[in-house]
C-alpha atoms as a PDB file:
ATOM      1  CA  MET A   1       2.693  40.635  21.651  1.00  0.00           C
ATOM      2  CA  LYS A   2       3.976  41.009  18.070  1.00  0.00           C
ATOM      3  CA  ASN A   3       4.339  44.770  18.568  1.00  0.00           C
ATOM      4  CA  ILE A   4       6.292  44.191  21.777  1.00  0.00           C
ATOM      5  CA  LYS A   5       8.653  41.785  20.025  1.00  0.00           C
ATOM      6  CA  LEU A   6       9.283  44.331  17.261  1.00  0.00           C
ATOM      7  CA  LYS A   7      10.081  47.055  19.805  1.00  0.00           C
ATOM      8  CA  SER A   8      12.365  44.677  21.700  1.00  0.00           C
ATOM      9  CA  ALA A   9      14.161  43.865  18.446  1.00  0.00           C
ATOM     10  CA  LEU A  10      14.573  47.594  17.765  1.00  0.00           C
ATOM     11  CA  VAL A  11      16.162  48.120  21.191  1.00  0.00           C
ATOM     12  CA  PHE A  12      18.472  45.156  20.542  1.00  0.00           C
ATOM     13  CA  ILE A  13      19.557  46.574  17.163  1.00  0.00           C
ATOM     14  CA  ILE A  14      20.168  50.041  18.642  1.00  0.00           C
ATOM     15  CA  THR A  15      22.177  48.486  21.476  1.00  0.00           C
ATOM     16  CA  VAL A  16      24.324  46.476  19.049  1.00  0.00           C
ATOM     17  CA  LEU A  17      24.991  49.565  16.918  1.00  0.00           C
ATOM     18  CA  ILE A  18      26.008  51.603  19.974  1.00  0.00           C
ATOM     19  CA  LEU A  19      28.298  48.825  21.213  1.00  0.00           C
ATOM     20  CA  LEU A  20      29.895  48.506  17.765  1.00  0.00           C
ATOM     21  CA  PHE A  21      30.563  52.249  17.799  1.00  0.00           C
ATOM     22  CA  LEU A  22      32.054  52.130  21.285  1.00  0.00           C
ATOM     23  CA  LEU A  23      34.189  49.033  20.700  1.00  0.00           C
ATOM     24  CA  LYS A  24      35.347  49.579  17.118  1.00  0.00           C
ATOM     25  CA  ASP A  25      38.717  51.212  17.937  1.00  0.00           C
ATOM     26  CA  ASN A  26      39.712  49.642  21.259  1.00  0.00           C
ATOM     27  CA  PHE A  27      37.815  46.373  21.383  1.00  0.00           C
ATOM     28  CA  SER A  28      40.415  44.197  23.111  1.00  0.00           C
ATOM     29  CA  LEU A  29      41.427  46.935  25.571  1.00  0.00           C
ATOM     30  CA  ILE A  30      37.822  47.747  26.542  1.00  0.00           C
ATOM     31  CA  VAL A  31      36.993  44.067  27.024  1.00  0.00           C
ATOM     32  CA  LYS A  32      40.088  43.664  29.209  1.00  0.00           C
ATOM     33  CA  GLU A  33      39.182  46.730  31.310  1.00  0.00           C
ATOM     34  CA  ILE A  34      35.642  45.458  31.842  1.00  0.00           C
ATOM     35  CA  CYS A  35      36.855  41.974  32.788  1.00  0.00           C
ATOM     36  CA  ASP A  36      39.265  43.477  35.331  1.00  0.00           C
ATOM     37  CA  ILE A  37      36.712  45.617  37.205  1.00  0.00           C
ATOM     38  CA  ASN A  38      36.461  45.441  40.980  1.00  0.00           C
ATOM     39  CA  ILE A  39      33.540  43.093  41.592  1.00  0.00           C
ATOM     40  CA  LEU A  40      32.784  44.570  45.016  1.00  0.00           C
ATOM     41  CA  PHE A  41      32.166  48.054  43.623  1.00  0.00           C
ATOM     42  CA  PHE A  42      30.194  46.571  40.729  1.00  0.00           C
ATOM     43  CA  ILE A  43      27.938  44.820  43.252  1.00  0.00           C
ATOM     44  CA  ILE A  44      27.572  48.132  45.108  1.00  0.00           C
ATOM     45  CA  CYS A  45      26.335  49.667  41.823  1.00  0.00           C
ATOM     46  CA  LEU A  46      23.725  46.912  41.507  1.00  0.00           C
ATOM     47  CA  VAL A  47      22.664  47.339  45.140  1.00  0.00           C
ATOM     48  CA  LEU A  48      22.331  51.105  44.672  1.00  0.00           C
ATOM     49  CA  TYR A  49      20.133  50.610  41.619  1.00  0.00           C
ATOM     50  CA  ALA A  50      17.991  48.082  43.514  1.00  0.00           C
ATOM     51  CA  LEU A  51      17.638  50.580  46.367  1.00  0.00           C
ATOM     52  CA  TYR A  52      16.703  53.348  43.913  1.00  0.00           C
ATOM     53  CA  PHE A  53      14.103  51.033  42.370  1.00  0.00           C
ATOM     54  CA  PHE A  54      12.647  50.074  45.766  1.00  0.00           C
ATOM     55  CA  VAL A  55      12.277  53.695  46.946  1.00  0.00           C
ATOM     56  CA  ASP A  56      10.695  54.587  43.593  1.00  0.00           C
ATOM     57  CA  SER A  57       8.189  51.761  43.978  1.00  0.00           C
ATOM     58  CA  LEU A  58       7.514  52.750  47.587  1.00  0.00           C
ATOM     59  CA  VAL A  59       6.090  56.107  46.438  1.00  0.00           C
ATOM     60  CA  LEU A  60       3.717  54.377  44.031  1.00  0.00           C
ATOM     61  CA  PHE A  61       2.735  51.940  46.808  1.00  0.00           C
ATOM     62  CA  ILE A  62       1.878  54.810  49.180  1.00  0.00           C
ATOM     63  CA  LEU A  63      -0.238  56.542  46.533  1.00  0.00           C
ATOM     64  CA  THR A  64      -2.019  53.313  45.566  1.00  0.00           C
ATOM     65  CA  ARG A  65      -2.942  52.577  49.187  1.00  0.00           C
ATOM     66  CA  THR A  66      -5.154  55.675  49.227  1.00  0.00           C
ATOM     67  CA  TYR A  67      -7.375  53.910  46.681  1.00  0.00           C
ATOM     68  CA  LYS A  68      -6.876  50.274  47.717  1.00  0.00           C
ATOM     69  CA  LYS A  69      -5.890  49.700  51.330  1.00  0.00           C
ATOM     70  CA  ASP A  70      -5.027  46.011  50.950  1.00  0.00           C
ATOM     71  CA  ILE A  71      -2.633  46.364  47.990  1.00  0.00           C
ATOM     72  CA  LYS A  72       0.581  44.422  48.586  1.00  0.00           C
ATOM     73  CA  ILE A  73       4.014  45.940  48.124  1.00  0.00           C
ATOM     74  CA  LYS A  74       5.118  42.868  46.152  1.00  0.00           C
ATOM     75  CA  LYS A  75       2.418  43.640  43.541  1.00  0.00           C
ATOM     76  CA  ILE A  76       3.822  47.143  43.101  1.00  0.00           C
ATOM     77  CA  LEU A  77       7.403  45.837  42.939  1.00  0.00           C
ATOM     78  CA  LYS A  78       6.494  43.302  40.250  1.00  0.00           C
ATOM     79  CA  MET A  79       4.650  45.973  38.303  1.00  0.00           C
ATOM     80  CA  GLY A  80       7.675  48.257  38.668  1.00  0.00           C
ATOM     81  CA  ILE A  81      10.007  45.620  37.245  1.00  0.00           C
ATOM     82  CA  GLU A  82       7.736  45.104  34.244  1.00  0.00           C
ATOM     83  CA  THR A  83       7.426  48.882  33.845  1.00  0.00           C
ATOM     84  CA  LYS A  84      11.204  49.077  33.352  1.00  0.00           C
ATOM     85  CA  PHE A  85      10.772  46.788  30.363  1.00  0.00           C
ATOM     86  CA  PHE A  86       8.025  48.909  28.784  1.00  0.00           C
ATOM     87  CA  ASN A  87       9.929  52.112  29.498  1.00  0.00           C
ATOM     88  CA  GLY A  88      13.002  50.577  27.913  1.00  0.00           C
ATOM     89  CA  ILE A  89      11.396  49.517  24.617  1.00  0.00           C
ATOM     90  CA  THR A  90       9.330  52.653  23.937  1.00  0.00           C
ATOM     91  CA  PRO A  91      10.434  56.166  22.893  1.00  0.00           C
ATOM     92  CA  LEU A  92      10.566  58.675  25.768  1.00  0.00           C
ATOM     93  CA  ALA A  93       9.669  55.824  28.166  1.00  0.00           C
ATOM     94  CA  SER A  94       6.056  56.260  27.020  1.00  0.00           C
ATOM     95  CA  GLY A  95       5.009  52.636  27.483  1.00  0.00           C
ATOM     96  CA  GLY A  96       5.505  52.312  31.225  1.00  0.00           C
ATOM     97  CA  GLN A  97       2.628  54.459  32.478  1.00  0.00           C
ATOM     98  CA  PRO A  98      -0.125  52.810  30.358  1.00  0.00           C
ATOM     99  CA  TRP A  99       1.138  49.468  31.618  1.00  0.00           C
ATOM    100  CA  GLN A 100       0.901  50.682  35.214  1.00  0.00           C
ATOM    101  CA  VAL A 101      -2.683  51.844  34.666  1.00  0.00           C
ATOM    102  CA  TYR A 102      -3.522  48.463  33.139  1.00  0.00           C
ATOM    103  CA  LYS A 103      -1.973  46.530  36.035  1.00  0.00           C
ATOM    104  CA  LEU A 104      -3.713  48.724  38.615  1.00  0.00           C
ATOM    105  CA  GLY A 105      -6.964  47.948  36.817  1.00  0.00           C
ATOM    106  CA  LYS A 106      -6.233  44.254  37.358  1.00  0.00           C
ATOM    107  CA  GLU A 107      -6.253  45.067  41.093  1.00  0.00           C
ATOM    108  CA  ASN A 108      -9.854  46.344  40.771  1.00  0.00           C
ATOM    109  CA  ILE A 109      -8.810  50.000  40.714  1.00  0.00           C
ATOM    110  CA  LYS A 110     -10.896  52.118  38.321  1.00  0.00           C
ATOM    111  CA  TYR A 111      -9.168  53.285  35.160  1.00  0.00           C
ATOM    112  CA  VAL A 112      -9.616  56.955  36.096  1.00  0.00           C
ATOM    113  CA  ASP A 113      -8.228  56.333  39.597  1.00  0.00           C
ATOM    114  CA  GLY A 114      -5.350  54.296  38.173  1.00  0.00           C
ATOM    115  CA  ALA A 115      -4.512  57.086  35.746  1.00  0.00           C
ATOM    116  CA  SER A 116      -4.630  59.574  38.627  1.00  0.00           C
ATOM    117  CA  ILE A 117      -2.283  57.432  40.730  1.00  0.00           C
ATOM    118  CA  VAL A 118       0.216  57.183  37.891  1.00  0.00           C
ATOM    119  CA  SER A 119      -0.071  60.916  37.106  1.00  0.00           C
ATOM    120  CA  GLN A 120       0.383  61.882  40.763  1.00  0.00           C
ATOM    121  CA  ASN A 121       3.387  59.585  40.952  1.00  0.00           C
ATOM    122  CA  TYR A 122       4.915  61.211  37.887  1.00  0.00           C
ATOM    123  CA  LEU A 123       4.134  64.679  39.266  1.00  0.00           C
ATOM    124  CA  LEU A 124       6.022  63.954  42.498  1.00  0.00           C
ATOM    125  CA  PHE A 125       8.935  62.540  40.505  1.00  0.00           C
ATOM    126  CA  GLN A 126       9.056  65.622  38.264  1.00  0.00           C
ATOM    127  CA  ILE A 127       9.030  67.984  41.243  1.00  0.00           C
ATOM    128  CA  ALA A 128      11.880  66.134  42.992  1.00  0.00           C
ATOM    129  CA  MET A 129      13.880  65.720  39.784  1.00  0.00           C
ATOM    130  CA  MET A 130      13.538  69.397  38.849  1.00  0.00           C
ATOM    131  CA  ILE A 131      14.576  70.520  42.355  1.00  0.00           C
ATOM    132  CA  ILE A 132      17.814  68.522  42.174  1.00  0.00           C
ATOM    133  CA  THR A 133      18.472  69.387  38.527  1.00  0.00           C
ATOM    134  CA  THR A 134      17.963  73.107  39.123  1.00  0.00           C
ATOM    135  CA  VAL A 135      20.482  73.078  41.980  1.00  0.00           C
ATOM    136  CA  CYS A 136      22.977  71.031  39.928  1.00  0.00           C
ATOM    137  CA  LEU A 137      22.557  73.274  36.889  1.00  0.00           C
ATOM    138  CA  VAL A 138      23.246  76.383  38.995  1.00  0.00           C
ATOM    139  CA  ILE A 139      26.344  74.711  40.485  1.00  0.00           C
ATOM    140  CA  SER A 140      27.586  73.663  37.044  1.00  0.00           C
ATOM    141  CA  LYS A 141      27.122  77.141  35.589  1.00  0.00           C
ATOM    142  CA  SER A 142      28.665  78.953  38.550  1.00  0.00           C
ATOM    143  CA  THR A 143      31.720  76.704  38.957  1.00  0.00           C
ATOM    144  CA  ASN A 144      32.285  75.461  35.382  1.00  0.00           C
ATOM    145  CA  ILE A 145      33.519  72.147  36.807  1.00  0.00           C
ATOM    146  CA  PHE A 146      32.873  70.162  33.631  1.00  0.00           C
ATOM    147  CA  HIS A 147      34.103  72.442  30.826  1.00  0.00           C
ATOM    148  CA  GLU A 148      31.331  70.954  28.712  1.00  0.00           C
ATOM    149  CA  SER A 149      31.058  71.742  25.011  1.00  0.00           C
ATOM    150  CA  TYR A 150      28.658  74.322  23.614  1.00  0.00           C
ATOM    151  CA  LEU A 151      26.442  71.566  22.139  1.00  0.00           C
ATOM    152  CA  ILE A 152      26.074  69.478  25.315  1.00  0.00           C
ATOM    153  CA  ASP A 153      25.414  72.668  27.256  1.00  0.00           C
ATOM    154  CA  LYS A 154      22.531  73.588  24.923  1.00  0.00           C
ATOM    155  CA  ILE A 155      21.156  70.025  24.920  1.00  0.00           C
ATOM    156  CA  THR A 156      21.096  70.110  28.724  1.00  0.00           C
ATOM    157  CA  LEU A 157      19.255  73.437  28.722  1.00  0.00           C
ATOM    158  CA  ILE A 158      16.748  72.088  26.176  1.00  0.00           C
ATOM    159  CA  GLY A 159      16.149  69.023  28.346  1.00  0.00           C
ATOM    160  CA  PHE A 160      15.691  71.260  31.380  1.00  0.00           C
ATOM    161  CA  VAL A 161      13.175  73.506  29.601  1.00  0.00           C
ATOM    162  CA  ILE A 162      11.207  70.517  28.261  1.00  0.00           C
ATOM    163  CA  ASN A 163      10.935  68.974  31.719  1.00  0.00           C
ATOM    164  CA  PHE A 164      10.063  72.323  33.292  1.00  0.00           C
ATOM    165  CA  PHE A 165       7.141  72.769  30.895  1.00  0.00           C
ATOM    166  CA  MET A 166       6.048  69.154  31.462  1.00  0.00           C
ATOM    167  CA  LEU A 167       5.848  69.884  35.187  1.00  0.00           C
ATOM    168  CA  ALA A 168       4.036  73.177  34.557  1.00  0.00           C
ATOM    169  CA  PHE A 169       1.565  71.391  32.268  1.00  0.00           C
ATOM    170  CA  LEU A 170       0.799  68.733  34.892  1.00  0.00           C
ATOM    171  CA  LEU A 171       0.152  71.415  37.492  1.00  0.00           C
ATOM    172  CA  PHE A 172      -1.881  73.468  35.007  1.00  0.00           C
ATOM    173  CA  ILE A 173      -4.145  70.541  34.108  1.00  0.00           C
ATOM    174  CA  GLY A 174      -4.437  69.575  37.755  1.00  0.00           C
ATOM    175  CA  LEU A 175      -5.287  73.010  39.144  1.00  0.00           C
ATOM    176  CA  THR A 176      -7.377  74.778  36.483  1.00  0.00           C
ATOM    177  CA  LYS A 177     -10.913  74.055  35.348  1.00  0.00           C
ATOM    178  CA  ARG A 178     -12.283  76.419  32.714  1.00  0.00           C
ATOM    179  CA  THR A 179      -9.066  76.582  30.670  1.00  0.00           C
ATOM    180  CA  ASN A 180      -8.695  72.848  31.152  1.00  0.00           C
ATOM    181  CA  TYR A 181     -12.047  72.219  29.445  1.00  0.00           C
ATOM    182  CA  ARG A 182     -11.172  74.604  26.615  1.00  0.00           C
ATOM    183  CA  VAL A 183      -7.948  72.733  25.896  1.00  0.00           C
ATOM    184  CA  ILE A 184      -9.799  69.406  25.937  1.00  0.00           C
ATOM    185  CA  GLY A 185     -12.500  70.765  23.635  1.00  0.00           C
ATOM    186  CA  PHE A 186      -9.875  72.062  21.201  1.00  0.00           C
ATOM    187  CA  PHE A 187      -8.117  68.702  20.816  1.00  0.00           C
ATOM    188  CA  VAL A 188     -11.318  66.635  20.748  1.00  0.00           C
ATOM    189  CA  ARG A 189     -12.695  68.870  17.958  1.00  0.00           C
ATOM    190  CA  ILE A 190      -9.516  68.323  15.928  1.00  0.00           C
ATOM    191  CA  LEU A 191      -9.735  64.555  16.413  1.00  0.00           C
ATOM    192  CA  ALA A 192     -13.419  64.647  15.465  1.00  0.00           C
ATOM    193  CA  LYS A 193     -12.659  66.578  12.249  1.00  0.00           C
ATOM    194  CA  LEU A 194      -9.978  64.014  11.410  1.00  0.00           C
ATOM    195  CA  ARG A 195     -12.642  61.344  12.039  1.00  0.00           C
ATOM    196  CA  ILE A 196     -10.489  59.680  14.652  1.00  0.00           C
ATOM    197  CA  ILE A 197     -13.307  60.355  17.117  1.00  0.00           C
ATOM    198  CA  LYS A 198     -16.792  59.514  15.845  1.00  0.00           C
ATOM    199  CA  ASP A 199     -19.036  60.699  18.675  1.00  0.00           C
ATOM    200  CA  TYR A 200     -17.916  64.188  19.688  1.00  0.00           C
ATOM    201  CA  ASP A 201     -20.433  64.737  22.498  1.00  0.00           C
ATOM    202  CA  THR A 202     -19.747  61.406  24.183  1.00  0.00           C
ATOM    203  CA  SER A 203     -15.987  61.848  23.885  1.00  0.00           C
ATOM    204  CA  ILE A 204     -15.961  65.381  25.267  1.00  0.00           C
ATOM    205  CA  LYS A 205     -18.050  64.332  28.272  1.00  0.00           C
ATOM    206  CA  ARG A 206     -15.795  61.336  28.917  1.00  0.00           C
ATOM    207  CA  TRP A 207     -12.594  63.395  28.771  1.00  0.00           C
ATOM    208  CA  GLU A 208     -14.055  66.200  30.856  1.00  0.00           C
ATOM    209  CA  LYS A 209     -14.969  63.634  33.512  1.00  0.00           C
ATOM    210  CA  ARG A 210     -11.468  62.149  33.445  1.00  0.00           C
ATOM    211  CA  CYS A 211      -9.798  65.542  33.730  1.00  0.00           C
ATOM    212  CA  SER A 212     -12.203  66.559  36.480  1.00  0.00           C
ATOM    213  CA  THR A 213     -11.265  63.430  38.435  1.00  0.00           C
ATOM    214  CA  TYR A 214      -7.563  64.051  37.808  1.00  0.00           C
ATOM    215  CA  ARG A 215      -7.918  67.663  38.941  1.00  0.00           C
ATOM    216  CA  ASP A 216      -9.748  66.632  42.119  1.00  0.00           C
ATOM    217  CA  ASN A 217      -7.095  64.026  42.923  1.00  0.00           C
ATOM    218  CA  THR A 218      -4.237  66.446  42.210  1.00  0.00           C
ATOM    219  CA  ILE A 219      -5.738  69.071  44.509  1.00  0.00           C
ATOM    220  CA  LYS A 220      -6.282  66.345  47.117  1.00  0.00           C
ATOM    221  CA  LEU A 221      -2.627  65.321  46.845  1.00  0.00           C
ATOM    222  CA  LEU A 222      -1.332  68.891  47.140  1.00  0.00           C
ATOM    223  CA  LYS A 223      -3.579  69.540  50.139  1.00  0.00           C
ATOM    224  CA  ASN A 224      -2.386  66.356  51.839  1.00  0.00           C
ATOM    225  CA  LYS A 225       0.869  67.911  53.018  1.00  0.00           C
ATOM    226  CA  LYS A 226       2.088  64.720  54.676  1.00  0.00           C
ATOM    227  CA  MET A 227       1.688  62.541  51.573  1.00  0.00           C
ATOM    228  CA  PHE A 228       3.004  65.253  49.272  1.00  0.00           C
ATOM    229  CA  GLY A 229       6.018  65.831  51.513  1.00  0.00           C
ATOM    230  CA  VAL A 230       6.791  62.143  51.994  1.00  0.00           C
ATOM    231  CA  GLY A 231       6.414  61.387  48.272  1.00  0.00           C
ATOM    232  CA  THR A 232       8.643  64.283  47.223  1.00  0.00           C
ATOM    233  CA  PHE A 233      11.225  63.432  49.905  1.00  0.00           C
ATOM    234  CA  LEU A 234      11.370  59.786  48.827  1.00  0.00           C
ATOM    235  CA  TYR A 235      11.852  60.814  45.215  1.00  0.00           C
ATOM    236  CA  LEU A 236      14.624  63.196  46.243  1.00  0.00           C
ATOM    237  CA  ILE A 237      16.312  60.180  47.860  1.00  0.00           C
ATOM    238  CA  SER A 238      15.739  57.795  44.935  1.00  0.00           C
ATOM    239  CA  THR A 239      16.939  60.206  42.254  1.00  0.00           C
ATOM    240  CA  SER A 240      19.977  61.087  44.376  1.00  0.00           C
ATOM    241  CA  ILE A 241      20.845  57.389  44.630  1.00  0.00           C
ATOM    242  CA  TYR A 242      20.530  57.046  40.861  1.00  0.00           C
ATOM    243  CA  TYR A 243      22.785  60.052  40.223  1.00  0.00           C
ATOM    244  CA  VAL A 244      25.679  58.709  42.347  1.00  0.00           C
ATOM    245  CA  ILE A 245      25.910  55.360  40.536  1.00  0.00           C
ATOM    246  CA  PRO A 246      28.552  56.671  38.050  1.00  0.00           C
ATOM    247  CA  TYR A 247      30.860  57.426  40.981  1.00  0.00           C
ATOM    248  CA  PHE A 248      30.891  53.784  42.054  1.00  0.00           C
ATOM    249  CA  VAL A 249      31.237  52.673  38.438  1.00  0.00           C
ATOM    250  CA  PHE A 250      34.442  54.726  38.325  1.00  0.00           C
ATOM    251  CA  LEU A 251      35.652  53.121  41.568  1.00  0.00           C
ATOM    252  CA  SER A 252      35.040  49.682  40.063  1.00  0.00           C
ATOM    253  CA  PHE A 253      37.638  50.625  37.412  1.00  0.00           C
ATOM    254  CA  GLY A 254      40.023  52.052  40.004  1.00  0.00           C
ATOM    255  CA  ILE A 255      39.308  55.649  38.927  1.00  0.00           C
ATOM    256  CA  SER A 256      39.520  58.106  41.817  1.00  0.00           C
ATOM    257  CA  ASP A 257      40.020  61.346  39.858  1.00  0.00           C
ATOM    258  CA  VAL A 258      36.267  62.078  39.706  1.00  0.00           C
ATOM    259  CA  SER A 259      34.891  63.348  43.011  1.00  0.00           C
ATOM    260  CA  PHE A 260      31.631  62.146  44.541  1.00  0.00           C
ATOM    261  CA  PHE A 261      30.239  65.668  44.214  1.00  0.00           C
ATOM    262  CA  ALA A 262      31.151  66.026  40.522  1.00  0.00           C
ATOM    263  CA  SER A 263      29.714  62.573  39.768  1.00  0.00           C
ATOM    264  CA  PHE A 264      26.436  63.484  41.446  1.00  0.00           C
ATOM    265  CA  VAL A 265      26.063  66.782  39.584  1.00  0.00           C
ATOM    266  CA  ALA A 266      27.010  65.145  36.277  1.00  0.00           C
ATOM    267  CA  GLY A 267      24.562  62.295  36.909  1.00  0.00           C
ATOM    268  CA  ALA A 268      21.698  64.769  37.276  1.00  0.00           C
ATOM    269  CA  LEU A 269      22.659  66.751  34.168  1.00  0.00           C
ATOM    270  CA  ILE A 270      23.225  63.612  32.073  1.00  0.00           C
ATOM    271  CA  PHE A 271      19.714  62.419  32.905  1.00  0.00           C
ATOM    272  CA  ILE A 272      18.053  65.737  32.040  1.00  0.00           C
ATOM    273  CA  ALA A 273      20.062  66.042  28.808  1.00  0.00           C
ATOM    274  CA  GLY A 274      19.574  62.456  27.673  1.00  0.00           C
ATOM    275  CA  CYS A 275      15.932  61.891  28.569  1.00  0.00           C
ATOM    276  CA  CYS A 276      14.639  64.095  25.725  1.00  0.00           C
ATOM    277  CA  MET A 277      16.152  61.767  23.098  1.00  0.00           C
ATOM    278  CA  PRO A 278      13.109  60.238  21.280  1.00  0.00           C
ATOM    279  CA  LEU A 279      14.516  56.702  21.088  1.00  0.00           C
ATOM    280  CA  PRO A 280      13.882  53.690  23.343  1.00  0.00           C
ATOM    281  CA  GLY A 281      15.950  54.025  26.490  1.00  0.00           C
ATOM    282  CA  ALA A 282      17.019  57.505  25.345  1.00  0.00           C
ATOM    283  CA  SER A 283      19.689  55.605  23.408  1.00  0.00           C
ATOM    284  CA  GLY A 284      22.257  57.918  21.905  1.00  0.00           C
ATOM    285  CA  GLY A 285      21.244  60.834  24.101  1.00  0.00           C
ATOM    286  CA  MET A 286      22.387  59.275  27.366  1.00  0.00           C
ATOM    287  CA  GLU A 287      25.668  58.131  25.823  1.00  0.00           C
ATOM    288  CA  TYR A 288      26.405  61.517  24.266  1.00  0.00           C
ATOM    289  CA  ALA A 289      25.592  63.330  27.521  1.00  0.00           C
ATOM    290  CA  TYR A 290      27.843  60.914  29.445  1.00  0.00           C
ATOM    291  CA  PHE A 291      30.717  61.672  27.071  1.00  0.00           C
ATOM    292  CA  GLY A 292      30.017  65.388  27.284  1.00  0.00           C
ATOM    293  CA  TYR A 293      30.243  65.573  31.072  1.00  0.00           C
ATOM    294  CA  PHE A 294      32.940  63.018  31.871  1.00  0.00           C
ATOM    295  CA  THR A 295      35.403  63.521  28.993  1.00  0.00           C
ATOM    296  CA  TYR A 296      37.100  66.299  30.956  1.00  0.00           C
ATOM    297  CA  PHE A 297      37.903  63.861  33.784  1.00  0.00           C
ATOM    298  CA  LEU A 298      38.671  60.763  31.693  1.00  0.00           C
ATOM    299  CA  ALA A 299      41.082  61.578  28.903  1.00  0.00           C
ATOM    300  CA  ASN A 300      41.522  57.859  28.234  1.00  0.00           C
ATOM    301  CA  ASP A 301      38.905  57.012  25.589  1.00  0.00           C
ATOM    302  CA  SER A 302      38.858  53.301  26.350  1.00  0.00           C
ATOM    303  CA  LEU A 303      38.144  53.920  30.055  1.00  0.00           C
ATOM    304  CA  LEU A 304      35.438  56.419  29.156  1.00  0.00           C
ATOM    305  CA  PHE A 305      33.760  53.843  26.904  1.00  0.00           C
ATOM    306  CA  SER A 306      34.238  51.005  29.409  1.00  0.00           C
ATOM    307  CA  THR A 307      32.659  52.936  32.286  1.00  0.00           C
ATOM    308  CA  LEU A 308      29.788  53.987  30.017  1.00  0.00           C
ATOM    309  CA  ILE A 309      29.037  50.367  29.095  1.00  0.00           C
ATOM    310  CA  ILE A 310      28.925  49.286  32.751  1.00  0.00           C
ATOM    311  CA  TRP A 311      26.830  52.315  33.749  1.00  0.00           C
ATOM    312  CA  ARG A 312      24.265  51.606  31.012  1.00  0.00           C
ATOM    313  CA  LEU A 313      24.336  47.910  31.856  1.00  0.00           C
ATOM    314  CA  VAL A 314      23.400  48.637  35.480  1.00  0.00           C
ATOM    315  CA  THR A 315      20.885  51.440  34.876  1.00  0.00           C
ATOM    316  CA  PHE A 316      19.228  50.372  31.620  1.00  0.00           C
ATOM    317  CA  TYR A 317      20.101  47.075  29.972  1.00  0.00           C
ATOM    318  CA  LEU A 318      19.816  44.771  32.992  1.00  0.00           C
ATOM    319  CA  PRO A 319      16.547  46.329  34.300  1.00  0.00           C
ATOM    320  CA  THR A 320      15.030  46.160  30.805  1.00  0.00           C
ATOM    321  CA  VAL A 321      16.029  42.527  30.302  1.00  0.00           C
ATOM    322  CA  ILE A 322      14.856  41.483  33.782  1.00  0.00           C
ATOM    323  CA  GLY A 323      11.576  43.333  33.245  1.00  0.00           C
ATOM    324  CA  GLY A 324      11.161  41.585  29.907  1.00  0.00           C
ATOM    325  CA  VAL A 325      11.737  38.175  31.519  1.00  0.00           C
ATOM    326  CA  PHE A 326       9.067  38.951  34.135  1.00  0.00           C
ATOM    327  CA  PHE A 327       6.570  40.140  31.534  1.00  0.00           C
ATOM    328  CA  LEU A 328       7.177  37.572  28.786  1.00  0.00           C
ATOM    329  CA  GLY A 329       7.395  34.752  31.318  1.00  0.00           C
ATOM    330  CA  LYS A 330       4.079  35.444  33.059  1.00  0.00           C
ATOM    331  CA  GLU A 331       2.001  37.637  30.757  1.00  0.00           C
ATOM    332  CA  LYS A 332       2.102  35.786  27.447  1.00  0.00           C
ATOM    333  CA  LYS A 333      -1.669  35.949  27.064  1.00  0.00           C
ATOM    334  CA  VAL A 334      -1.872  39.705  27.531  1.00  0.00           C
ATOM    335  CA  LYS A 335      -2.417  41.648  24.294  1.00  0.00           C
ATOM    336  CA  VAL A 336      -0.845  45.094  24.376  1.00  0.00           C
END
């Protein structure tokens, strides 16, 4: 619990620093612009995020039902809300998946099966996200609709390459056997030499068993064309919903100069560029990518900053806070 509080404090400090940077030159104007937003379009932004969250959780629910038929959707939704909190307070959103495995274990799902569910879920997300991002990247390069700077262009490409190799690695681990064991043996030997692992033989057998189970479940998922297709399709829908939120943020400020199409493409590229930032919530990376892709359309700095604040409020700060309330309110006895 102490570690969680420290991470939450870090996120709070980072958020304050970012807000100070955004508000330092046009504080009164930005506050006025935010106070004057169209409430209806702001509510639409919240509804879109809730819909994105529900479809996301629906994929995890479908995967979990293959291991536990009587799992309730409300359990998955609650876990998803808490996952937003752990994703938000850890670098590269690394805390959410261990929490999901832990919560699935509380539902009497074996650790190995829980890890497989979470990995399969992430695999489907990566496939859908990379499909959309690849299309958007091709459109951006061929039309030059954003006139992005050299730096943001390279950051986007780096983010794309990192995510491409993450997807390739998941498929590699899930589909190979002999090479898989060699990789495991290599890392376990290093950990044993560093004395992080005491019993080499026991550890290697345990990890080989886990990877074997993961491989079997991955192959099972890929062979189940219906589940694979439905999961990928649902993630295509959820990520698309997430990417169009900036468009409705702009409408809440009365901005109609940015087209729905441009907002969607920018939303995809902002996510891929910002998600490789190794800070909680990709703080700094998401903001810089947002500036990089929307500066061309919004010459007014105060409006650019105001829309960014609302966008991050809807897609990061509110979900993280709500997830924290759920976790800290009901899981005080859990030691993480």
